[in-house]
N, C-alpha and C. Protein backbone atom coordinates (compact mmCIF):
# COMPACT_ATOMS: atom_id res chain seq x y z
N MET A 1 24.98 15.45 -21.96
CA MET A 1 25.41 15.52 -20.57
C MET A 1 25.04 14.22 -19.85
N ASN A 2 25.73 13.96 -18.76
CA ASN A 2 25.44 12.81 -17.91
C ASN A 2 24.46 13.23 -16.82
N VAL A 3 23.50 12.36 -16.52
CA VAL A 3 22.42 12.72 -15.60
C VAL A 3 22.26 11.67 -14.51
N ILE A 4 22.10 12.14 -13.26
CA ILE A 4 21.67 11.30 -12.15
C ILE A 4 20.20 11.61 -11.91
N VAL A 5 19.35 10.59 -11.94
CA VAL A 5 17.91 10.80 -11.81
C VAL A 5 17.55 11.07 -10.35
N ASP A 6 16.88 12.18 -10.12
CA ASP A 6 16.41 12.57 -8.79
C ASP A 6 14.92 12.28 -8.68
N TYR A 7 14.59 11.24 -7.91
CA TYR A 7 13.17 10.99 -7.63
C TYR A 7 12.95 10.95 -6.11
N GLY A 8 13.83 11.69 -5.41
CA GLY A 8 13.65 11.87 -3.98
C GLY A 8 14.14 10.73 -3.12
N MET A 9 14.82 9.75 -3.72
CA MET A 9 15.30 8.60 -2.97
C MET A 9 16.67 8.19 -3.48
N GLY A 10 17.59 7.92 -2.57
CA GLY A 10 18.90 7.44 -3.01
C GLY A 10 20.03 8.35 -2.56
N ASN A 11 21.23 7.82 -2.65
CA ASN A 11 22.42 8.57 -2.26
C ASN A 11 22.88 9.45 -3.42
N LEU A 12 22.07 10.42 -3.77
CA LEU A 12 22.33 11.21 -4.97
C LEU A 12 23.64 11.98 -4.88
N GLU A 13 23.84 12.68 -3.78
CA GLU A 13 25.06 13.49 -3.64
C GLU A 13 26.30 12.60 -3.56
N SER A 14 26.17 11.44 -2.93
CA SER A 14 27.31 10.53 -2.83
C SER A 14 27.71 10.03 -4.21
N VAL A 15 26.71 9.70 -5.03
CA VAL A 15 27.00 9.25 -6.39
C VAL A 15 27.62 10.39 -7.19
N LYS A 16 27.05 11.59 -7.05
CA LYS A 16 27.60 12.74 -7.77
C LYS A 16 29.04 13.02 -7.35
N ASN A 17 29.31 12.94 -6.05
CA ASN A 17 30.66 13.18 -5.57
C ASN A 17 31.64 12.17 -6.14
N ALA A 18 31.20 10.92 -6.24
CA ALA A 18 32.06 9.88 -6.81
C ALA A 18 32.37 10.17 -8.28
N VAL A 19 31.34 10.59 -9.02
CA VAL A 19 31.52 10.92 -10.44
C VAL A 19 32.43 12.14 -10.59
N SER A 20 32.22 13.14 -9.74
CA SER A 20 33.05 14.35 -9.80
C SER A 20 34.49 14.04 -9.46
N PHE A 21 34.72 13.11 -8.53
CA PHE A 21 36.07 12.70 -8.17
C PHE A 21 36.79 12.12 -9.39
N LEU A 22 36.02 11.49 -10.28
CA LEU A 22 36.58 10.90 -11.49
C LEU A 22 36.87 11.96 -12.56
N GLY A 23 36.47 13.19 -12.29
CA GLY A 23 36.68 14.26 -13.25
C GLY A 23 35.61 14.33 -14.32
N LYS A 24 34.47 13.69 -14.07
CA LYS A 24 33.37 13.69 -15.03
C LYS A 24 32.30 14.70 -14.62
N LYS A 25 31.64 15.26 -15.60
CA LYS A 25 30.55 16.19 -15.33
C LYS A 25 29.23 15.44 -15.27
N VAL A 26 28.41 15.80 -14.30
CA VAL A 26 27.11 15.16 -14.14
C VAL A 26 26.19 16.14 -13.42
N ILE A 27 24.90 16.05 -13.71
CA ILE A 27 23.92 16.86 -12.98
C ILE A 27 22.89 15.94 -12.33
N ILE A 28 22.35 16.38 -11.21
CA ILE A 28 21.23 15.70 -10.56
C ILE A 28 19.96 16.42 -10.98
N THR A 29 19.00 15.68 -11.50
CA THR A 29 17.81 16.36 -12.03
C THR A 29 16.58 15.46 -11.99
N SER A 30 15.43 16.09 -11.88
CA SER A 30 14.15 15.39 -12.02
C SER A 30 13.38 15.96 -13.21
N SER A 31 14.10 16.67 -14.06
CA SER A 31 13.47 17.32 -15.20
C SER A 31 13.40 16.39 -16.41
N PRO A 32 12.20 16.10 -16.92
CA PRO A 32 12.09 15.31 -18.14
C PRO A 32 12.85 15.94 -19.31
N LYS A 33 12.92 17.27 -19.32
CA LYS A 33 13.65 17.96 -20.39
C LYS A 33 15.13 17.62 -20.35
N ASP A 34 15.71 17.61 -19.15
CA ASP A 34 17.12 17.25 -19.01
C ASP A 34 17.34 15.80 -19.43
N LEU A 35 16.44 14.93 -19.02
CA LEU A 35 16.57 13.51 -19.35
C LEU A 35 16.46 13.27 -20.85
N SER A 36 15.68 14.11 -21.53
CA SER A 36 15.47 13.93 -22.96
C SER A 36 16.72 14.18 -23.79
N VAL A 37 17.71 14.86 -23.19
CA VAL A 37 18.94 15.15 -23.92
C VAL A 37 20.17 14.52 -23.24
N ALA A 38 19.93 13.66 -22.24
CA ALA A 38 21.02 13.04 -21.51
C ALA A 38 21.81 12.10 -22.41
N ARG A 39 23.13 12.13 -22.24
CA ARG A 39 24.01 11.22 -22.98
C ARG A 39 24.06 9.86 -22.31
N LYS A 40 24.13 9.88 -20.98
CA LYS A 40 24.09 8.67 -20.18
C LYS A 40 23.30 8.95 -18.91
N ILE A 41 22.60 7.93 -18.40
CA ILE A 41 21.71 8.11 -17.26
C ILE A 41 22.10 7.15 -16.14
N ILE A 42 22.29 7.71 -14.93
CA ILE A 42 22.52 6.92 -13.73
C ILE A 42 21.26 6.98 -12.88
N PHE A 43 20.76 5.82 -12.48
CA PHE A 43 19.47 5.70 -11.81
C PHE A 43 19.70 5.03 -10.44
N PRO A 44 20.08 5.82 -9.42
CA PRO A 44 20.37 5.25 -8.10
C PRO A 44 19.09 5.06 -7.30
N GLY A 45 19.24 4.53 -6.10
CA GLY A 45 18.06 4.39 -5.27
C GLY A 45 18.33 3.65 -3.98
N VAL A 46 17.67 4.12 -2.92
CA VAL A 46 17.68 3.46 -1.62
C VAL A 46 16.28 3.61 -1.06
N GLY A 47 15.69 2.52 -0.57
CA GLY A 47 14.37 2.65 0.03
C GLY A 47 13.37 1.64 -0.48
N HIS A 48 12.11 2.02 -0.45
CA HIS A 48 10.98 1.13 -0.72
C HIS A 48 10.58 1.18 -2.18
N PHE A 49 10.39 0.02 -2.77
CA PHE A 49 10.04 -0.10 -4.19
C PHE A 49 8.76 0.69 -4.52
N GLY A 50 7.72 0.50 -3.73
CA GLY A 50 6.45 1.16 -4.00
C GLY A 50 6.52 2.67 -3.87
N LYS A 51 7.23 3.15 -2.86
CA LYS A 51 7.38 4.59 -2.68
C LYS A 51 8.18 5.20 -3.82
N ALA A 52 9.16 4.45 -4.30
CA ALA A 52 9.98 4.94 -5.41
C ALA A 52 9.14 5.09 -6.67
N VAL A 53 8.30 4.10 -6.96
CA VAL A 53 7.43 4.18 -8.13
C VAL A 53 6.48 5.37 -8.01
N ALA A 54 5.94 5.58 -6.80
CA ALA A 54 5.04 6.72 -6.57
C ALA A 54 5.74 8.04 -6.83
N GLU A 55 7.00 8.15 -6.40
CA GLU A 55 7.76 9.37 -6.62
C GLU A 55 8.08 9.58 -8.10
N LEU A 56 8.38 8.51 -8.80
CA LEU A 56 8.63 8.60 -10.24
C LEU A 56 7.39 9.09 -10.98
N LYS A 57 6.23 8.58 -10.59
CA LYS A 57 4.97 9.01 -11.21
C LYS A 57 4.68 10.47 -10.88
N LYS A 58 4.91 10.84 -9.64
CA LYS A 58 4.67 12.22 -9.18
C LYS A 58 5.47 13.22 -9.99
N ARG A 59 6.69 12.84 -10.35
CA ARG A 59 7.58 13.73 -11.10
C ARG A 59 7.45 13.56 -12.61
N GLY A 60 6.57 12.69 -13.05
CA GLY A 60 6.37 12.47 -14.48
C GLY A 60 7.58 11.88 -15.19
N LEU A 61 8.27 10.95 -14.49
CA LEU A 61 9.53 10.44 -15.01
C LEU A 61 9.44 9.06 -15.66
N ILE A 62 8.39 8.32 -15.41
CA ILE A 62 8.35 6.93 -15.89
C ILE A 62 8.40 6.85 -17.41
N GLU A 63 7.59 7.61 -18.08
CA GLU A 63 7.54 7.52 -19.55
C GLU A 63 8.83 8.00 -20.20
N ILE A 64 9.41 9.08 -19.68
CA ILE A 64 10.65 9.59 -20.29
C ILE A 64 11.80 8.62 -20.06
N LEU A 65 11.83 7.96 -18.91
CA LEU A 65 12.87 6.96 -18.66
C LEU A 65 12.73 5.78 -19.62
N LYS A 66 11.52 5.30 -19.80
CA LYS A 66 11.29 4.21 -20.74
C LYS A 66 11.65 4.64 -22.17
N GLU A 67 11.29 5.84 -22.51
CA GLU A 67 11.57 6.37 -23.84
C GLU A 67 13.07 6.41 -24.11
N ARG A 68 13.82 6.90 -23.13
CA ARG A 68 15.27 7.01 -23.31
C ARG A 68 15.94 5.63 -23.37
N VAL A 69 15.43 4.69 -22.59
CA VAL A 69 15.91 3.31 -22.68
C VAL A 69 15.69 2.77 -24.08
N ASN A 70 14.50 2.97 -24.61
CA ASN A 70 14.16 2.47 -25.94
C ASN A 70 14.92 3.17 -27.05
N GLN A 71 15.42 4.36 -26.76
CA GLN A 71 16.24 5.08 -27.74
C GLN A 71 17.70 4.64 -27.71
N GLY A 72 18.03 3.74 -26.79
CA GLY A 72 19.38 3.20 -26.73
C GLY A 72 20.36 3.97 -25.86
N VAL A 73 19.86 4.88 -25.03
CA VAL A 73 20.75 5.64 -24.15
C VAL A 73 21.32 4.72 -23.07
N PRO A 74 22.64 4.69 -22.84
CA PRO A 74 23.22 3.88 -21.77
C PRO A 74 22.61 4.25 -20.42
N PHE A 75 22.16 3.24 -19.69
CA PHE A 75 21.33 3.44 -18.50
C PHE A 75 21.82 2.50 -17.41
N LEU A 76 22.23 3.07 -16.26
CA LEU A 76 22.78 2.28 -15.16
C LEU A 76 21.91 2.40 -13.92
N GLY A 77 21.28 1.30 -13.51
CA GLY A 77 20.49 1.26 -12.28
C GLY A 77 21.33 0.76 -11.12
N ILE A 78 21.27 1.45 -9.98
CA ILE A 78 22.07 1.10 -8.81
C ILE A 78 21.15 0.72 -7.65
N CYS A 79 21.36 -0.46 -7.07
CA CYS A 79 20.62 -0.96 -5.91
C CYS A 79 19.10 -0.93 -6.19
N LEU A 80 18.33 -0.09 -5.51
CA LEU A 80 16.90 0.01 -5.80
C LEU A 80 16.68 0.42 -7.25
N GLY A 81 17.58 1.22 -7.79
CA GLY A 81 17.49 1.59 -9.21
C GLY A 81 17.57 0.40 -10.13
N MET A 82 18.35 -0.62 -9.75
CA MET A 82 18.39 -1.88 -10.50
C MET A 82 17.05 -2.60 -10.37
N GLN A 83 16.54 -2.68 -9.16
CA GLN A 83 15.29 -3.41 -8.91
C GLN A 83 14.11 -2.78 -9.66
N LEU A 84 14.13 -1.46 -9.78
CA LEU A 84 13.03 -0.77 -10.48
C LEU A 84 13.03 -1.02 -11.98
N LEU A 85 14.11 -1.57 -12.52
CA LEU A 85 14.13 -1.92 -13.93
C LEU A 85 13.23 -3.12 -14.22
N PHE A 86 12.88 -3.88 -13.18
CA PHE A 86 12.11 -5.11 -13.33
C PHE A 86 10.60 -4.84 -13.30
N GLU A 87 9.83 -5.89 -13.52
CA GLU A 87 8.38 -5.74 -13.68
C GLU A 87 7.65 -5.53 -12.36
N LYS A 88 8.12 -6.20 -11.29
CA LYS A 88 7.39 -6.12 -10.03
C LYS A 88 8.29 -6.52 -8.88
N SER A 89 7.81 -6.27 -7.64
CA SER A 89 8.56 -6.62 -6.45
C SER A 89 7.61 -7.10 -5.36
N SER A 90 8.03 -8.11 -4.62
CA SER A 90 7.22 -8.59 -3.49
C SER A 90 7.18 -7.57 -2.36
N GLU A 91 8.02 -6.55 -2.43
CA GLU A 91 8.00 -5.48 -1.44
C GLU A 91 6.78 -4.59 -1.62
N ALA A 92 6.24 -4.55 -2.84
CA ALA A 92 5.09 -3.68 -3.14
C ALA A 92 4.19 -4.39 -4.16
N LYS A 93 3.43 -5.34 -3.67
CA LYS A 93 2.60 -6.16 -4.55
C LYS A 93 1.55 -5.32 -5.27
N GLY A 94 1.39 -5.59 -6.56
CA GLY A 94 0.42 -4.87 -7.36
C GLY A 94 0.94 -3.59 -7.97
N ILE A 95 2.18 -3.24 -7.68
CA ILE A 95 2.78 -2.02 -8.21
C ILE A 95 3.83 -2.38 -9.26
N ALA A 96 3.68 -1.85 -10.45
CA ALA A 96 4.59 -2.19 -11.54
C ALA A 96 5.84 -1.34 -11.53
N GLY A 97 6.97 -1.98 -11.80
CA GLY A 97 8.21 -1.25 -12.01
C GLY A 97 8.29 -0.76 -13.44
N LEU A 98 9.47 -0.36 -13.88
CA LEU A 98 9.62 0.10 -15.27
C LEU A 98 9.40 -1.03 -16.26
N GLY A 99 9.72 -2.24 -15.88
CA GLY A 99 9.45 -3.39 -16.73
C GLY A 99 10.31 -3.48 -17.98
N VAL A 100 11.49 -2.85 -17.97
CA VAL A 100 12.36 -2.93 -19.14
C VAL A 100 13.20 -4.21 -19.11
N ILE A 101 13.18 -4.91 -17.97
CA ILE A 101 13.75 -6.25 -17.86
C ILE A 101 12.66 -7.16 -17.29
N LYS A 102 12.46 -8.30 -17.91
CA LYS A 102 11.44 -9.24 -17.45
C LYS A 102 11.93 -9.96 -16.19
N GLY A 103 11.07 -9.94 -15.17
CA GLY A 103 11.43 -10.61 -13.93
C GLY A 103 10.83 -9.91 -12.74
N GLU A 104 11.18 -10.38 -11.55
CA GLU A 104 10.63 -9.81 -10.33
C GLU A 104 11.72 -9.66 -9.27
N VAL A 105 11.37 -8.94 -8.21
CA VAL A 105 12.27 -8.71 -7.09
C VAL A 105 11.68 -9.40 -5.87
N VAL A 106 12.49 -10.19 -5.17
CA VAL A 106 12.00 -10.96 -4.02
C VAL A 106 12.90 -10.73 -2.82
N LYS A 107 12.39 -11.09 -1.63
CA LYS A 107 13.13 -10.87 -0.39
C LYS A 107 13.94 -12.11 -0.02
N PHE A 108 15.10 -11.89 0.61
CA PHE A 108 15.85 -13.00 1.19
C PHE A 108 14.98 -13.66 2.26
N ARG A 109 14.88 -14.99 2.22
CA ARG A 109 13.97 -15.69 3.12
C ARG A 109 14.68 -16.62 4.11
N ASP A 110 15.96 -16.86 3.92
CA ASP A 110 16.69 -17.78 4.80
C ASP A 110 16.74 -17.21 6.22
N LYS A 111 16.18 -17.94 7.18
CA LYS A 111 16.11 -17.46 8.55
C LYS A 111 17.48 -17.36 9.21
N ASP A 112 18.47 -18.04 8.64
CA ASP A 112 19.81 -18.00 9.21
C ASP A 112 20.62 -16.79 8.75
N LEU A 113 20.08 -16.04 7.81
CA LEU A 113 20.78 -14.88 7.27
C LEU A 113 20.45 -13.61 8.06
N ILE A 114 21.40 -12.74 8.18
CA ILE A 114 21.15 -11.41 8.73
C ILE A 114 20.64 -10.53 7.59
N ILE A 115 19.45 -9.97 7.78
CA ILE A 115 18.84 -9.11 6.76
C ILE A 115 18.70 -7.70 7.34
N PRO A 116 19.13 -6.67 6.63
CA PRO A 116 19.59 -6.69 5.24
C PRO A 116 20.99 -7.28 5.06
N HIS A 117 21.26 -7.72 3.84
CA HIS A 117 22.61 -8.11 3.44
C HIS A 117 23.41 -6.81 3.35
N MET A 118 24.31 -6.62 4.28
CA MET A 118 25.02 -5.34 4.34
C MET A 118 26.51 -5.57 4.57
N GLY A 119 27.31 -4.97 3.70
CA GLY A 119 28.75 -5.07 3.84
C GLY A 119 29.41 -5.51 2.55
N TRP A 120 30.66 -5.90 2.67
CA TRP A 120 31.46 -6.26 1.50
C TRP A 120 31.21 -7.71 1.10
N ASN A 121 31.06 -7.91 -0.20
CA ASN A 121 30.88 -9.26 -0.74
C ASN A 121 31.42 -9.30 -2.16
N GLN A 122 31.63 -10.51 -2.65
CA GLN A 122 32.24 -10.68 -3.96
C GLN A 122 31.20 -10.84 -5.06
N ILE A 123 31.59 -10.47 -6.27
CA ILE A 123 30.78 -10.80 -7.44
C ILE A 123 31.51 -11.84 -8.27
N LYS A 124 30.76 -12.79 -8.77
CA LYS A 124 31.30 -13.85 -9.63
C LYS A 124 30.82 -13.59 -11.06
N LYS A 125 31.75 -13.28 -11.93
CA LYS A 125 31.39 -12.98 -13.31
C LYS A 125 30.88 -14.23 -14.02
N GLY A 126 29.75 -14.08 -14.73
CA GLY A 126 29.23 -15.16 -15.55
C GLY A 126 29.86 -15.14 -16.93
N SER A 127 29.53 -16.13 -17.72
CA SER A 127 30.13 -16.24 -19.06
C SER A 127 29.76 -15.07 -19.95
N ARG A 128 28.56 -14.52 -19.79
CA ARG A 128 28.11 -13.43 -20.65
C ARG A 128 28.94 -12.16 -20.46
N ILE A 129 29.40 -11.93 -19.23
CA ILE A 129 30.16 -10.71 -18.96
C ILE A 129 31.56 -10.80 -19.56
N LYS A 130 32.02 -12.02 -19.82
CA LYS A 130 33.37 -12.24 -20.34
C LYS A 130 33.41 -12.32 -21.86
N ASP A 131 32.26 -12.49 -22.49
CA ASP A 131 32.22 -12.66 -23.95
C ASP A 131 32.73 -11.43 -24.67
N LYS A 132 33.46 -11.65 -25.73
CA LYS A 132 33.93 -10.55 -26.56
C LYS A 132 32.72 -9.82 -27.14
N GLY A 133 32.71 -8.50 -26.99
CA GLY A 133 31.59 -7.71 -27.48
C GLY A 133 30.48 -7.55 -26.48
N SER A 134 30.57 -8.21 -25.32
CA SER A 134 29.54 -8.10 -24.30
C SER A 134 29.53 -6.70 -23.69
N SER A 135 28.33 -6.15 -23.49
CA SER A 135 28.22 -4.83 -22.86
C SER A 135 28.76 -4.88 -21.44
N GLY A 136 28.57 -6.01 -20.78
CA GLY A 136 29.07 -6.15 -19.42
C GLY A 136 30.58 -6.15 -19.36
N ARG A 137 31.21 -6.66 -20.41
CA ARG A 137 32.66 -6.67 -20.45
C ARG A 137 33.20 -5.23 -20.43
N GLY A 138 32.53 -4.35 -21.14
CA GLY A 138 32.94 -2.94 -21.12
C GLY A 138 32.73 -2.31 -19.77
N LEU A 139 31.61 -2.62 -19.12
CA LEU A 139 31.29 -2.04 -17.82
C LEU A 139 32.27 -2.51 -16.75
N PHE A 140 32.76 -3.74 -16.87
CA PHE A 140 33.66 -4.30 -15.87
C PHE A 140 35.09 -4.46 -16.39
N GLU A 141 35.43 -3.65 -17.37
CA GLU A 141 36.80 -3.64 -17.89
C GLU A 141 37.78 -3.31 -16.77
N GLY A 142 38.81 -4.15 -16.61
CA GLY A 142 39.83 -3.88 -15.61
C GLY A 142 39.47 -4.30 -14.20
N ILE A 143 38.35 -4.99 -14.03
CA ILE A 143 37.93 -5.46 -12.71
C ILE A 143 38.00 -6.99 -12.67
N GLU A 144 38.76 -7.50 -11.75
CA GLU A 144 38.97 -8.94 -11.67
C GLU A 144 37.72 -9.68 -11.18
N ASP A 145 37.61 -10.93 -11.60
CA ASP A 145 36.56 -11.80 -11.08
C ASP A 145 36.75 -11.95 -9.57
N GLN A 146 35.64 -12.11 -8.85
CA GLN A 146 35.63 -12.27 -7.39
C GLN A 146 36.05 -10.98 -6.67
N SER A 147 35.95 -9.84 -7.33
CA SER A 147 36.23 -8.57 -6.66
C SER A 147 35.15 -8.25 -5.63
N TYR A 148 35.51 -7.50 -4.62
CA TYR A 148 34.58 -7.13 -3.54
C TYR A 148 33.93 -5.78 -3.81
N PHE A 149 32.63 -5.72 -3.51
CA PHE A 149 31.86 -4.48 -3.59
C PHE A 149 30.98 -4.37 -2.35
N TYR A 150 30.44 -3.16 -2.12
CA TYR A 150 29.65 -2.93 -0.91
C TYR A 150 28.16 -3.04 -1.20
N PHE A 151 27.48 -3.91 -0.43
CA PHE A 151 26.05 -4.16 -0.60
C PHE A 151 25.26 -3.65 0.61
N ALA A 152 23.99 -3.30 0.36
CA ALA A 152 23.06 -2.94 1.44
C ALA A 152 21.64 -3.12 0.90
N HIS A 153 21.08 -4.33 1.09
CA HIS A 153 19.74 -4.60 0.52
C HIS A 153 19.11 -5.81 1.19
N SER A 154 17.76 -5.83 1.15
CA SER A 154 16.99 -6.95 1.68
C SER A 154 16.30 -7.74 0.59
N TYR A 155 16.26 -7.19 -0.62
CA TYR A 155 15.60 -7.81 -1.76
C TYR A 155 16.61 -8.01 -2.89
N PHE A 156 16.34 -8.98 -3.75
CA PHE A 156 17.23 -9.23 -4.88
C PHE A 156 16.40 -9.56 -6.13
N CYS A 157 17.02 -9.45 -7.27
CA CYS A 157 16.32 -9.60 -8.55
C CYS A 157 16.36 -11.03 -9.07
N GLN A 158 15.23 -11.46 -9.63
CA GLN A 158 15.13 -12.75 -10.30
C GLN A 158 14.70 -12.52 -11.75
N PRO A 159 15.64 -12.46 -12.66
CA PRO A 159 15.30 -12.23 -14.08
C PRO A 159 14.59 -13.42 -14.70
N TYR A 160 13.70 -13.14 -15.64
CA TYR A 160 13.03 -14.18 -16.42
C TYR A 160 13.60 -14.27 -17.83
N GLU A 161 14.68 -13.55 -18.08
CA GLU A 161 15.35 -13.60 -19.38
C GLU A 161 16.85 -13.63 -19.16
N GLN A 162 17.60 -13.89 -20.22
CA GLN A 162 19.05 -14.08 -20.10
C GLN A 162 19.76 -12.73 -20.02
N VAL A 163 19.80 -12.18 -18.81
CA VAL A 163 20.44 -10.87 -18.60
C VAL A 163 21.51 -10.91 -17.51
N THR A 164 21.69 -12.04 -16.85
CA THR A 164 22.62 -12.13 -15.73
C THR A 164 24.07 -11.98 -16.20
N LEU A 165 24.78 -11.05 -15.58
CA LEU A 165 26.20 -10.85 -15.88
C LEU A 165 27.09 -11.30 -14.74
N ALA A 166 26.58 -11.21 -13.50
CA ALA A 166 27.37 -11.64 -12.35
C ALA A 166 26.43 -12.01 -11.20
N THR A 167 26.94 -12.87 -10.32
CA THR A 167 26.17 -13.31 -9.16
C THR A 167 27.00 -13.11 -7.89
N THR A 168 26.31 -13.19 -6.75
CA THR A 168 26.94 -13.05 -5.44
C THR A 168 26.35 -14.10 -4.51
N ASP A 169 27.15 -14.62 -3.61
CA ASP A 169 26.69 -15.64 -2.68
C ASP A 169 26.36 -15.02 -1.32
N TYR A 170 25.11 -15.16 -0.91
CA TYR A 170 24.70 -14.76 0.43
C TYR A 170 23.65 -15.76 0.90
N GLY A 171 24.12 -16.86 1.43
CA GLY A 171 23.22 -17.95 1.79
C GLY A 171 22.84 -18.77 0.58
N LYS A 172 22.60 -18.09 -0.51
CA LYS A 172 22.35 -18.68 -1.82
C LYS A 172 22.93 -17.72 -2.85
N GLU A 173 23.07 -18.22 -4.05
CA GLU A 173 23.58 -17.36 -5.12
C GLU A 173 22.45 -16.49 -5.65
N PHE A 174 22.67 -15.19 -5.70
CA PHE A 174 21.67 -14.29 -6.26
C PHE A 174 22.30 -13.43 -7.36
N VAL A 175 21.47 -12.88 -8.21
CA VAL A 175 21.93 -12.07 -9.33
C VAL A 175 22.31 -10.68 -8.81
N SER A 176 23.56 -10.29 -9.02
CA SER A 176 24.02 -9.00 -8.52
C SER A 176 24.34 -8.00 -9.63
N VAL A 177 24.46 -8.47 -10.88
CA VAL A 177 24.68 -7.58 -12.02
C VAL A 177 23.89 -8.11 -13.21
N VAL A 178 23.14 -7.22 -13.87
CA VAL A 178 22.42 -7.59 -15.08
C VAL A 178 22.78 -6.64 -16.22
N GLY A 179 22.60 -7.10 -17.43
CA GLY A 179 22.84 -6.27 -18.60
C GLY A 179 21.98 -6.70 -19.76
N LYS A 180 21.37 -5.73 -20.41
CA LYS A 180 20.52 -6.00 -21.56
C LYS A 180 20.68 -4.85 -22.55
N LYS A 181 21.45 -5.11 -23.61
CA LYS A 181 21.72 -4.08 -24.61
C LYS A 181 22.28 -2.83 -23.92
N ASN A 182 21.53 -1.75 -23.87
CA ASN A 182 22.04 -0.50 -23.29
C ASN A 182 21.65 -0.31 -21.83
N ILE A 183 21.13 -1.36 -21.17
CA ILE A 183 20.66 -1.27 -19.79
C ILE A 183 21.55 -2.13 -18.90
N TRP A 184 21.96 -1.57 -17.76
CA TRP A 184 22.70 -2.33 -16.76
C TRP A 184 22.12 -2.08 -15.39
N GLY A 185 22.19 -3.10 -14.54
CA GLY A 185 21.78 -2.95 -13.16
C GLY A 185 22.83 -3.58 -12.26
N ILE A 186 23.20 -2.88 -11.20
CA ILE A 186 24.16 -3.40 -10.23
C ILE A 186 23.54 -3.31 -8.84
N GLN A 187 23.52 -4.42 -8.12
CA GLN A 187 22.89 -4.43 -6.80
C GLN A 187 23.75 -3.74 -5.75
N PHE A 188 25.05 -3.72 -5.93
CA PHE A 188 25.95 -3.08 -4.98
C PHE A 188 25.98 -1.56 -5.19
N HIS A 189 26.60 -0.88 -4.24
CA HIS A 189 26.73 0.58 -4.31
C HIS A 189 28.15 0.93 -4.77
N PRO A 190 28.33 1.38 -6.00
CA PRO A 190 29.67 1.71 -6.47
C PRO A 190 30.27 2.90 -5.73
N GLU A 191 29.42 3.83 -5.31
CA GLU A 191 29.90 5.03 -4.62
C GLU A 191 30.46 4.70 -3.23
N LYS A 192 30.15 3.49 -2.71
CA LYS A 192 30.67 3.06 -1.41
C LYS A 192 31.71 1.95 -1.55
N SER A 193 32.05 1.60 -2.78
CA SER A 193 32.90 0.44 -3.03
C SER A 193 34.34 0.81 -3.39
N GLN A 194 34.76 1.97 -3.00
CA GLN A 194 36.14 2.41 -3.13
C GLN A 194 36.64 2.27 -4.59
N THR A 195 37.85 1.78 -4.76
CA THR A 195 38.49 1.80 -6.08
C THR A 195 37.71 1.03 -7.13
N LYS A 196 37.21 -0.16 -6.76
CA LYS A 196 36.48 -0.99 -7.73
C LYS A 196 35.17 -0.32 -8.16
N GLY A 197 34.48 0.27 -7.19
CA GLY A 197 33.23 0.95 -7.51
C GLY A 197 33.45 2.15 -8.40
N LEU A 198 34.48 2.90 -8.10
CA LEU A 198 34.81 4.06 -8.95
C LEU A 198 35.15 3.60 -10.37
N LYS A 199 35.80 2.46 -10.49
CA LYS A 199 36.15 1.94 -11.81
C LYS A 199 34.91 1.59 -12.61
N VAL A 200 33.90 1.01 -11.96
CA VAL A 200 32.64 0.71 -12.65
C VAL A 200 31.99 1.99 -13.16
N LEU A 201 31.91 3.01 -12.31
CA LEU A 201 31.32 4.29 -12.73
C LEU A 201 32.12 4.92 -13.86
N ASP A 202 33.44 4.86 -13.75
CA ASP A 202 34.30 5.44 -14.78
C ASP A 202 34.10 4.71 -16.11
N ASN A 203 34.03 3.39 -16.05
CA ASN A 203 33.80 2.62 -17.28
C ASN A 203 32.47 2.99 -17.91
N PHE A 204 31.43 3.10 -17.09
CA PHE A 204 30.11 3.42 -17.62
C PHE A 204 30.11 4.77 -18.32
N LEU A 205 30.75 5.75 -17.70
CA LEU A 205 30.74 7.11 -18.24
C LEU A 205 31.72 7.31 -19.39
N THR A 206 32.72 6.43 -19.49
CA THR A 206 33.76 6.59 -20.49
C THR A 206 33.56 5.71 -21.72
N TYR A 207 33.10 4.48 -21.48
CA TYR A 207 33.06 3.47 -22.54
C TYR A 207 32.02 3.81 -23.61
N ASP A 208 32.39 3.64 -24.85
CA ASP A 208 31.45 3.83 -25.97
C ASP A 208 30.80 2.49 -26.26
N PHE A 209 29.61 2.29 -25.69
CA PHE A 209 28.95 0.99 -25.82
C PHE A 209 28.40 0.76 -27.22
N GLY A 210 28.17 1.82 -27.98
CA GLY A 210 27.82 1.68 -29.38
C GLY A 210 26.42 1.20 -29.66
N TYR A 211 25.49 1.38 -28.73
CA TYR A 211 24.13 0.93 -28.98
C TYR A 211 23.27 2.04 -29.58
N ARG A 212 22.45 1.64 -30.50
CA ARG A 212 21.48 2.56 -31.11
C ARG A 212 20.10 2.25 -30.56
N ALA A 213 19.09 2.95 -31.07
CA ALA A 213 17.72 2.75 -30.58
C ALA A 213 17.32 1.30 -30.70
N LEU A 214 16.60 0.82 -29.68
CA LEU A 214 16.14 -0.56 -29.71
C LEU A 214 14.99 -0.72 -30.68
N ALA A 215 14.88 -1.94 -31.24
CA ALA A 215 13.78 -2.23 -32.17
C ALA A 215 12.47 -2.33 -31.42
C-alpha cells in the first residue's frame, strides 16, 4: 500500500486528496506497522524542523523510516519532508534530521527578498535528472524544463553530495529537487501545483523505479 506519514505536521489531507484524485489508494498513518509494509512512502511537512523531529521521535517513527529507506522503498519528501531528509538545519541547531542525505538546511539571507519564498516559481532541470536511467527522469517524466510549481518556505537545502536534480532561482539559485537512489525530495508543494504537481505525484506512485535494498 501507499502511505502518507502522519507526524502531526503538514498538509496531509490535501496530499491525500490529490492522490485520490489521481485514482490511487493511499492511507495516512503514524503506525510503524503500516510503514513496515508500505510499497511507497510520501513524507510531507509544513512547519518547524525541530518540532517535526520531536514529533517523529514521539511517534517512534525515525528508525522505521530509516529502515524502509535502507530497504529501498521509494520515498518522497515534500517541503519540510525534504528538509528532514538532511542531517541538520539552522532552524533547529543541535537537532539531527534523518540524515539519509548528507547536507544541511539554511535560511534565505538576502535582505532584498521577501521571506518566506511563497508562490509560483520555475524549476531548472540539471543534467542528472535528464540522464537515461536517472531516478529523477522517472519522477519528472512528461514535465518540461522550466515548469512552474508552488513554493512556500523560508529555508532551503544545501547537499554535500551529488544529489541535485533541479534548481530554482529566488535571489540566488537554490536546490529545489534532490534524488538519491530510492529517495527524492521536492521543495515545492505538488498538491498545490495543479496539473504539474499532480503529474509528479502520479509518476512517483506509478513508476517502477526498480531499486532494491541499499548496501
